[in-house]
Amino acid sequence: MSLVPATRASERLRRLTSLDVLRGATVALMIVVENQGSGAHAFPGAAHASWNGLTPADLVFPLFLFVMGGSLAQSVDRLTWARAVRRTAVLFFLGLVLNGLGRVPLHSLKYMGVLQRIALCYLLTVAVVKLLPPKRQWQMAVGVLVAWWAFLSLGPLTPQGNTAGWLDRLLLGAEHLYGDGSYDPSGLASTPAAAVNVLAGVWAARWLREHGRSFIVRAGLFCVGSGLLWAIVHPVNKRLWTSSFVVVTVGLSALALVAVGERDRYAWVFEVFGRNAIVVYVASELVSDVLKDTGAREWLYRHLFVPWAGLHVGSLAYALAFVGLWWLALCAMWRRRWFVSV
């Protein structure tokens, strides 16, 4: 992890891209989704689907993976294996810290999580892009999605009976999985399918440069339509990261990339988050855990937001206030050109 001061105007202009802006918006939305004042009264759309289906909150993680792929496309040619492995290790370790490494017994430590999935998807994508030509990359991605569909079809797509949970329990142990151990929404078994979201981001960034925005729009619409058709026989499910979920979210991510105006005069508001994404995500998760464990989160929500906004709007208002405070802190770093990278 390094602190990189960027003082040259040319550096700012070079980095002010739709990917930076979209990354920042995604990180902000991720914090909003994870910090609703009350999980029981989350604002409509700000909570994940209970099982099958798709909500706006379900789009945040795959969108972040897609943006990571877009950024990787700009650097993978000069990226060394040593740096890729080091970055993977740092991200995975930070994920374990967020899961309680050093604070909970090792026999019950959750091995996987958001940052762990990001780390493994990053390394898998680097390997694919460096070792395979584009045509082979597409073939491998299709093969992974078809194989994952077939594997999940071996059992019922239920929280207790799905084959993804069975494989994660076999590989990691039920005590190291999310919740009651029946399945893990960021588990090891579904990680190769999630890596396709990153790989699609690599392709989209290159196609955007080579073919223009209209091509990305057509590709995005094709993926959304294909994914929805696939969902007729293979439900869209974020918790299992089903293949139809991958195709639909890749399409929506591509459309979001085109929709973001990188030269908009307000784009820097989100770039503040995008340039220090790892800082704000890790710090916000740690602070959120402290607020939750001490009861401060519930008290602030009930006494400062519910009285004037109600249960559901108050839940969103709490999350937006939380994000706003982090934006102020990051803005100070932005003005000093302090950017932390892994």
Protein backbone atom coordinates (compact mmCIF):
# COMPACT_ATOMS: atom_id res chain seq x y z
CA MET A 1 0.00 0.00 0.00
CA SER A 2 1.43 3.36 -0.93
CA LEU A 3 0.58 7.04 -0.60
CA VAL A 4 1.02 8.74 -3.95
CA PRO A 5 0.98 12.55 -4.08
CA ALA A 6 -0.14 13.75 -7.51
CA THR A 7 0.69 17.40 -8.04
CA ARG A 8 0.87 17.78 -11.80
CA ALA A 9 -2.19 19.07 -13.61
CA SER A 10 -1.51 16.64 -16.45
CA GLU A 11 -1.82 13.72 -14.03
CA ARG A 12 -5.24 14.93 -12.91
CA LEU A 13 -6.47 15.33 -16.46
CA ARG A 14 -5.17 11.92 -17.43
CA ARG A 15 -6.91 10.20 -14.50
CA LEU A 16 -10.24 12.06 -14.70
CA THR A 17 -12.02 9.34 -16.66
CA SER A 18 -15.42 7.68 -16.59
CA LEU A 19 -13.82 4.73 -14.80
CA ASP A 20 -12.61 6.87 -11.90
CA VAL A 21 -16.00 8.54 -11.61
CA LEU A 22 -17.93 5.29 -11.85
CA ARG A 23 -15.66 3.65 -9.27
CA GLY A 24 -16.29 6.51 -6.89
CA ALA A 25 -20.05 6.39 -7.37
CA THR A 26 -19.99 2.63 -6.85
CA VAL A 27 -17.98 2.86 -3.63
CA ALA A 28 -20.36 5.53 -2.31
CA LEU A 29 -23.35 3.31 -3.13
CA MET A 30 -21.63 0.33 -1.51
CA ILE A 31 -21.28 2.28 1.73
CA VAL A 32 -24.92 3.37 1.54
CA VAL A 33 -26.09 -0.21 1.07
CA GLU A 34 -23.94 -1.54 3.92
CA ASN A 35 -24.83 1.24 6.36
CA GLN A 36 -28.60 1.56 6.35
CA GLY A 37 -29.67 2.84 9.75
CA SER A 38 -31.80 -0.24 10.22
CA GLY A 39 -31.50 -3.45 8.27
CA ALA A 40 -35.11 -4.21 9.18
CA HIS A 41 -36.28 -0.91 7.68
CA ALA A 42 -33.88 -0.42 4.78
CA PHE A 43 -35.00 2.05 2.15
CA PRO A 44 -36.63 0.24 -0.83
CA GLY A 45 -33.93 -0.80 -3.29
CA ALA A 46 -31.12 -0.30 -0.77
CA ALA A 47 -31.33 -3.87 0.51
CA HIS A 48 -30.27 -7.02 -1.32
CA ALA A 49 -32.86 -9.41 -2.71
CA SER A 50 -33.72 -12.04 -0.12
CA TRP A 51 -32.96 -14.79 -2.66
CA ASN A 52 -33.86 -14.79 -6.37
CA GLY A 53 -34.33 -11.43 -8.05
CA LEU A 54 -32.42 -8.20 -8.52
CA THR A 55 -32.48 -4.92 -6.61
CA PRO A 56 -30.36 -1.78 -7.13
CA ALA A 57 -28.27 -2.86 -4.13
CA ASP A 58 -27.43 -6.14 -5.91
CA LEU A 59 -25.78 -4.21 -8.74
CA VAL A 60 -23.17 -2.48 -6.60
CA PHE A 61 -20.66 -5.31 -6.12
CA PRO A 62 -20.67 -6.60 -9.73
CA LEU A 63 -20.39 -3.01 -10.93
CA PHE A 64 -17.30 -2.51 -8.78
CA LEU A 65 -15.75 -5.70 -10.21
CA PHE A 66 -16.51 -4.48 -13.73
CA VAL A 67 -14.86 -1.11 -13.04
CA MET A 68 -11.84 -2.89 -11.58
CA GLY A 69 -11.53 -4.75 -14.86
CA GLY A 70 -11.73 -1.51 -16.79
CA SER A 71 -8.88 -0.06 -14.74
CA LEU A 72 -6.88 -3.25 -15.14
CA ALA A 73 -7.13 -2.97 -18.92
CA GLN A 74 -5.08 0.22 -18.73
CA SER A 75 -2.24 -1.30 -16.71
CA VAL A 76 -2.13 -5.06 -17.26
CA ASP A 77 0.45 -4.90 -20.05
CA ARG A 78 3.05 -3.38 -17.71
CA LEU A 79 1.86 -5.19 -14.59
CA THR A 80 4.37 -7.67 -13.14
CA TRP A 81 3.34 -10.96 -11.59
CA ALA A 82 5.04 -9.97 -8.34
CA ARG A 83 2.95 -6.81 -8.06
CA ALA A 84 -0.25 -8.65 -8.93
CA VAL A 85 0.38 -11.31 -6.28
CA ARG A 86 1.34 -8.68 -3.71
CA ARG A 87 -1.83 -6.70 -4.36
CA THR A 88 -3.91 -9.85 -4.08
CA ALA A 89 -2.30 -10.72 -0.75
CA VAL A 90 -2.80 -7.22 0.68
CA LEU A 91 -6.47 -7.09 -0.32
CA PHE A 92 -7.13 -10.59 1.02
CA PHE A 93 -5.41 -9.73 4.31
CA LEU A 94 -7.44 -6.52 4.68
CA GLY A 95 -10.57 -8.59 4.10
CA LEU A 96 -9.58 -10.95 6.90
CA VAL A 97 -8.99 -7.97 9.18
CA LEU A 98 -12.50 -6.73 8.45
CA ASN A 99 -13.78 -10.23 9.22
CA GLY A 100 -12.20 -10.02 12.67
CA LEU A 101 -8.67 -11.37 12.27
CA GLY A 102 -7.00 -10.85 15.64
CA ARG A 103 -10.35 -10.26 17.35
CA VAL A 104 -12.21 -13.55 16.84
CA PRO A 105 -10.97 -17.13 17.29
CA LEU A 106 -9.30 -18.56 14.20
CA HIS A 107 -11.56 -21.62 14.26
CA SER A 108 -14.57 -19.40 13.54
CA LEU A 109 -12.94 -16.73 11.35
CA LYS A 110 -14.80 -16.17 8.10
CA TYR A 111 -12.33 -16.74 5.30
CA MET A 112 -14.19 -15.03 2.47
CA GLY A 113 -15.75 -11.59 2.09
CA VAL A 114 -15.96 -8.62 -0.25
CA LEU A 115 -12.24 -7.79 -0.32
CA GLN A 116 -11.25 -11.45 -0.49
CA ARG A 117 -13.47 -11.92 -3.52
CA ILE A 118 -12.07 -8.78 -5.12
CA ALA A 119 -8.53 -10.05 -4.51
CA LEU A 120 -9.10 -13.48 -6.03
CA CYS A 121 -11.09 -12.12 -8.99
CA TYR A 122 -8.29 -9.65 -9.65
CA LEU A 123 -5.61 -12.35 -9.71
CA LEU A 124 -7.71 -14.70 -11.86
CA THR A 125 -8.36 -11.92 -14.38
CA VAL A 126 -4.70 -10.92 -14.53
CA ALA A 127 -3.80 -14.54 -15.27
CA VAL A 128 -6.43 -14.87 -18.00
CA VAL A 129 -5.54 -11.59 -19.72
CA LYS A 130 -1.81 -12.22 -19.58
CA LEU A 131 -1.88 -15.86 -20.64
CA LEU A 132 -4.72 -16.05 -23.17
CA PRO A 133 -5.44 -14.17 -26.40
CA PRO A 134 -8.80 -12.34 -26.60
CA LYS A 135 -10.64 -15.13 -28.45
CA ARG A 136 -9.58 -17.69 -25.85
CA GLN A 137 -10.61 -15.32 -23.07
CA TRP A 138 -14.16 -15.15 -24.42
CA GLN A 139 -14.32 -18.91 -24.85
CA MET A 140 -13.06 -19.47 -21.32
CA ALA A 141 -15.60 -16.99 -19.90
CA VAL A 142 -18.48 -18.70 -21.69
CA GLY A 143 -17.18 -22.07 -20.51
CA VAL A 144 -17.03 -20.90 -16.89
CA LEU A 145 -20.61 -19.58 -16.99
CA VAL A 146 -22.00 -22.69 -18.65
CA ALA A 147 -20.11 -24.96 -16.23
CA TRP A 148 -21.34 -22.94 -13.23
CA TRP A 149 -24.91 -23.18 -14.52
CA ALA A 150 -24.56 -26.93 -14.91
CA PHE A 151 -23.02 -27.31 -11.45
CA LEU A 152 -25.75 -25.32 -9.72
CA SER A 153 -28.37 -27.32 -11.63
CA LEU A 154 -27.19 -30.49 -9.87
CA GLY A 155 -29.13 -29.41 -6.77
CA PRO A 156 -32.03 -27.18 -5.80
CA LEU A 157 -31.42 -23.43 -5.84
CA THR A 158 -32.39 -23.03 -2.20
CA PRO A 159 -30.41 -21.51 0.69
CA GLN A 160 -29.85 -24.88 2.35
CA GLY A 161 -29.69 -27.21 -0.64
CA ASN A 162 -27.58 -25.43 -3.29
CA THR A 163 -24.43 -27.09 -4.56
CA ALA A 164 -22.38 -23.89 -4.17
CA GLY A 165 -22.85 -24.10 -0.41
CA TRP A 166 -21.96 -27.79 -0.46
CA LEU A 167 -18.69 -27.08 -2.27
CA ASP A 168 -17.79 -24.16 0.01
CA ARG A 169 -18.44 -26.29 3.08
CA LEU A 170 -16.23 -28.98 1.60
CA LEU A 171 -13.39 -26.56 0.75
CA LEU A 172 -13.57 -24.13 3.68
CA GLY A 173 -15.70 -25.71 6.40
CA ALA A 174 -19.14 -24.54 7.49
CA GLU A 175 -17.71 -22.67 10.49
CA HIS A 176 -15.77 -20.40 8.15
CA LEU A 177 -18.75 -19.44 5.97
CA TYR A 178 -21.26 -16.61 6.11
CA GLY A 179 -24.21 -16.84 8.51
CA ASP A 180 -25.25 -20.35 9.46
CA GLY A 181 -22.79 -21.93 7.02
CA SER A 182 -25.38 -23.11 4.50
CA TYR A 183 -23.83 -20.94 1.77
CA ASP A 184 -21.57 -17.91 1.38
CA PRO A 185 -22.55 -15.00 -0.92
CA SER A 186 -18.84 -14.23 -1.40
CA GLY A 187 -17.76 -17.83 -1.28
CA LEU A 188 -14.88 -19.54 -3.01
CA ALA A 189 -17.08 -21.71 -5.24
CA SER A 190 -18.74 -18.79 -7.05
CA THR A 191 -15.58 -16.69 -7.38
CA PRO A 192 -14.65 -17.87 -10.92
CA ALA A 193 -18.09 -16.76 -12.14
CA ALA A 194 -17.58 -13.39 -10.42
CA ALA A 195 -14.23 -13.05 -12.16
CA VAL A 196 -16.13 -12.94 -15.47
CA ASN A 197 -17.53 -9.57 -14.34
CA VAL A 198 -13.95 -8.30 -14.03
CA LEU A 199 -12.92 -9.78 -17.35
CA ALA A 200 -15.90 -8.12 -19.04
CA GLY A 201 -14.69 -4.80 -17.64
CA VAL A 202 -11.32 -5.37 -19.32
CA TRP A 203 -13.03 -5.99 -22.67
CA ALA A 204 -15.37 -3.02 -22.28
CA ALA A 205 -12.53 -0.58 -21.60
CA ARG A 206 -10.69 -1.79 -24.69
CA TRP A 207 -13.80 -1.81 -26.88
CA LEU A 208 -14.72 1.67 -25.69
CA ARG A 209 -11.35 2.91 -26.91
CA GLU A 210 -11.41 0.94 -30.16
CA HIS A 211 -15.07 1.00 -31.20
CA GLY A 212 -16.72 3.86 -29.32
CA ARG A 213 -19.67 4.26 -27.00
CA SER A 214 -22.39 3.04 -29.37
CA PHE A 215 -20.72 -0.35 -29.59
CA ILE A 216 -20.70 -0.65 -25.79
CA VAL A 217 -24.37 0.31 -25.66
CA ARG A 218 -25.28 -2.45 -28.12
CA ALA A 219 -23.14 -4.97 -26.26
CA GLY A 220 -24.70 -3.96 -22.94
CA LEU A 221 -28.25 -4.26 -24.23
CA PHE A 222 -27.43 -7.66 -25.76
CA CYS A 223 -26.10 -8.92 -22.42
CA VAL A 224 -29.09 -7.64 -20.45
CA GLY A 225 -31.52 -9.24 -22.89
CA SER A 226 -29.58 -12.53 -23.01
CA GLY A 227 -29.32 -12.68 -19.23
CA LEU A 228 -33.02 -12.10 -18.75
CA LEU A 229 -33.84 -14.84 -21.24
CA TRP A 230 -31.44 -17.18 -19.44
CA ALA A 231 -33.16 -16.27 -16.16
CA ILE A 232 -36.29 -18.06 -17.35
CA VAL A 233 -34.54 -21.37 -16.66
CA HIS A 234 -31.67 -20.15 -14.44
CA PRO A 235 -32.75 -17.49 -11.90
CA VAL A 236 -30.87 -14.27 -11.35
CA ASN A 237 -29.41 -14.71 -7.88
CA LYS A 238 -26.64 -12.58 -6.39
CA ARG A 239 -26.15 -14.76 -3.33
CA LEU A 240 -25.13 -17.70 -5.55
CA TRP A 241 -23.73 -15.40 -8.26
CA THR A 242 -25.61 -17.39 -10.89
CA SER A 243 -24.52 -17.22 -14.53
CA SER A 244 -27.64 -15.28 -15.52
CA PHE A 245 -26.81 -12.77 -12.78
CA VAL A 246 -23.34 -12.34 -14.29
CA VAL A 247 -24.64 -11.70 -17.81
CA VAL A 248 -27.34 -9.24 -16.70
CA THR A 249 -25.01 -7.27 -14.43
CA VAL A 250 -22.26 -7.16 -17.06
CA GLY A 251 -24.76 -5.60 -19.46
CA LEU A 252 -25.99 -3.07 -16.91
CA SER A 253 -22.40 -2.22 -15.95
CA ALA A 254 -21.52 -1.56 -19.58
CA LEU A 255 -24.49 0.77 -19.93
CA ALA A 256 -23.50 2.56 -16.71
CA LEU A 257 -19.97 3.06 -18.04
CA VAL A 258 -21.34 4.76 -21.14
CA ALA A 259 -23.85 6.81 -19.15
CA VAL A 260 -21.23 8.38 -16.89
CA GLY A 261 -20.06 11.72 -18.21
CA GLU A 262 -16.36 11.95 -17.51
CA ARG A 263 -16.22 15.64 -18.46
CA ASP A 264 -19.21 16.65 -16.38
CA ARG A 265 -18.26 19.50 -14.09
CA TYR A 266 -19.62 17.61 -11.10
CA ALA A 267 -17.74 14.39 -11.88
CA TRP A 268 -15.01 15.23 -9.37
CA VAL A 269 -17.53 14.76 -6.53
CA PHE A 270 -17.46 11.03 -7.15
CA GLU A 271 -13.84 10.93 -8.21
CA VAL A 272 -13.01 11.95 -4.63
CA PHE A 273 -14.26 8.49 -3.62
CA GLY A 274 -12.81 6.73 -6.64
CA ARG A 275 -9.22 7.82 -6.12
CA ASN A 276 -9.15 6.57 -2.51
CA ALA A 277 -11.62 3.70 -2.78
CA ILE A 278 -9.68 1.24 -0.64
CA VAL A 279 -9.20 3.82 2.14
CA VAL A 280 -12.84 4.75 2.45
CA TYR A 281 -14.13 1.19 2.14
CA VAL A 282 -11.87 -0.30 4.84
CA ALA A 283 -12.18 2.69 7.16
CA SER A 284 -15.96 2.90 6.80
CA GLU A 285 -16.34 -0.82 7.51
CA LEU A 286 -14.22 -0.60 10.65
CA VAL A 287 -16.05 2.47 11.95
CA SER A 288 -19.42 0.93 11.07
CA ASP A 289 -18.55 -2.18 13.09
CA VAL A 290 -17.65 -0.04 16.10
CA LEU A 291 -20.89 1.95 15.82
CA LYS A 292 -22.90 -1.26 15.52
CA ASP A 293 -21.15 -3.10 18.36
CA THR A 294 -21.47 -0.18 20.79
CA GLY A 295 -25.11 0.47 19.91
CA ALA A 296 -24.28 3.98 18.69
CA ARG A 297 -25.59 3.25 15.20
CA GLU A 298 -29.01 2.24 16.46
CA TRP A 299 -29.13 5.21 18.86
CA LEU A 300 -28.19 7.75 16.18
CA TYR A 301 -30.68 6.26 13.75
CA ARG A 302 -33.56 6.18 16.26
CA HIS A 303 -32.96 9.59 17.84
CA LEU A 304 -31.54 11.75 15.04
CA PHE A 305 -33.21 10.44 11.88
CA VAL A 306 -36.40 8.50 12.64
CA PRO A 307 -38.19 11.40 14.41
CA TRP A 308 -38.24 13.61 11.29
CA ALA A 309 -37.81 11.11 8.43
CA GLY A 310 -39.54 7.94 9.58
CA LEU A 311 -38.19 4.40 9.62
CA HIS A 312 -37.37 3.83 5.95
CA VAL A 313 -36.38 7.31 4.80
CA GLY A 314 -34.55 7.75 8.10
CA SER A 315 -32.55 4.61 7.37
CA LEU A 316 -31.44 6.05 4.04
CA ALA A 317 -30.80 9.47 5.59
CA TYR A 318 -28.47 7.89 8.16
CA ALA A 319 -26.55 6.12 5.39
CA LEU A 320 -26.25 9.29 3.30
CA ALA A 321 -25.04 11.26 6.33
CA PHE A 322 -22.44 8.56 6.97
CA VAL A 323 -21.27 8.78 3.36
CA GLY A 324 -21.23 12.57 3.52
CA LEU A 325 -18.88 12.59 6.50
CA TRP A 326 -16.50 10.27 4.68
CA TRP A 327 -16.66 12.49 1.61
CA LEU A 328 -15.50 15.45 3.67
CA ALA A 329 -12.54 13.46 4.97
CA LEU A 330 -11.63 12.24 1.49
CA CYS A 331 -12.03 15.72 0.07
CA ALA A 332 -9.25 16.91 2.36
CA MET A 333 -7.02 14.16 0.94
CA TRP A 334 -8.12 15.05 -2.59
CA ARG A 335 -7.18 18.71 -2.16
CA ARG A 336 -3.72 17.69 -0.98
CA ARG A 337 -3.44 15.19 -3.86
CA TRP A 338 -2.99 12.27 -1.45
CA PHE A 339 -4.04 9.02 -3.08
CA VAL A 340 -3.57 5.63 -1.46
CA SER A 341 -3.11 2.63 -3.75
CA VAL A 342 -2.61 -1.05 -3.05
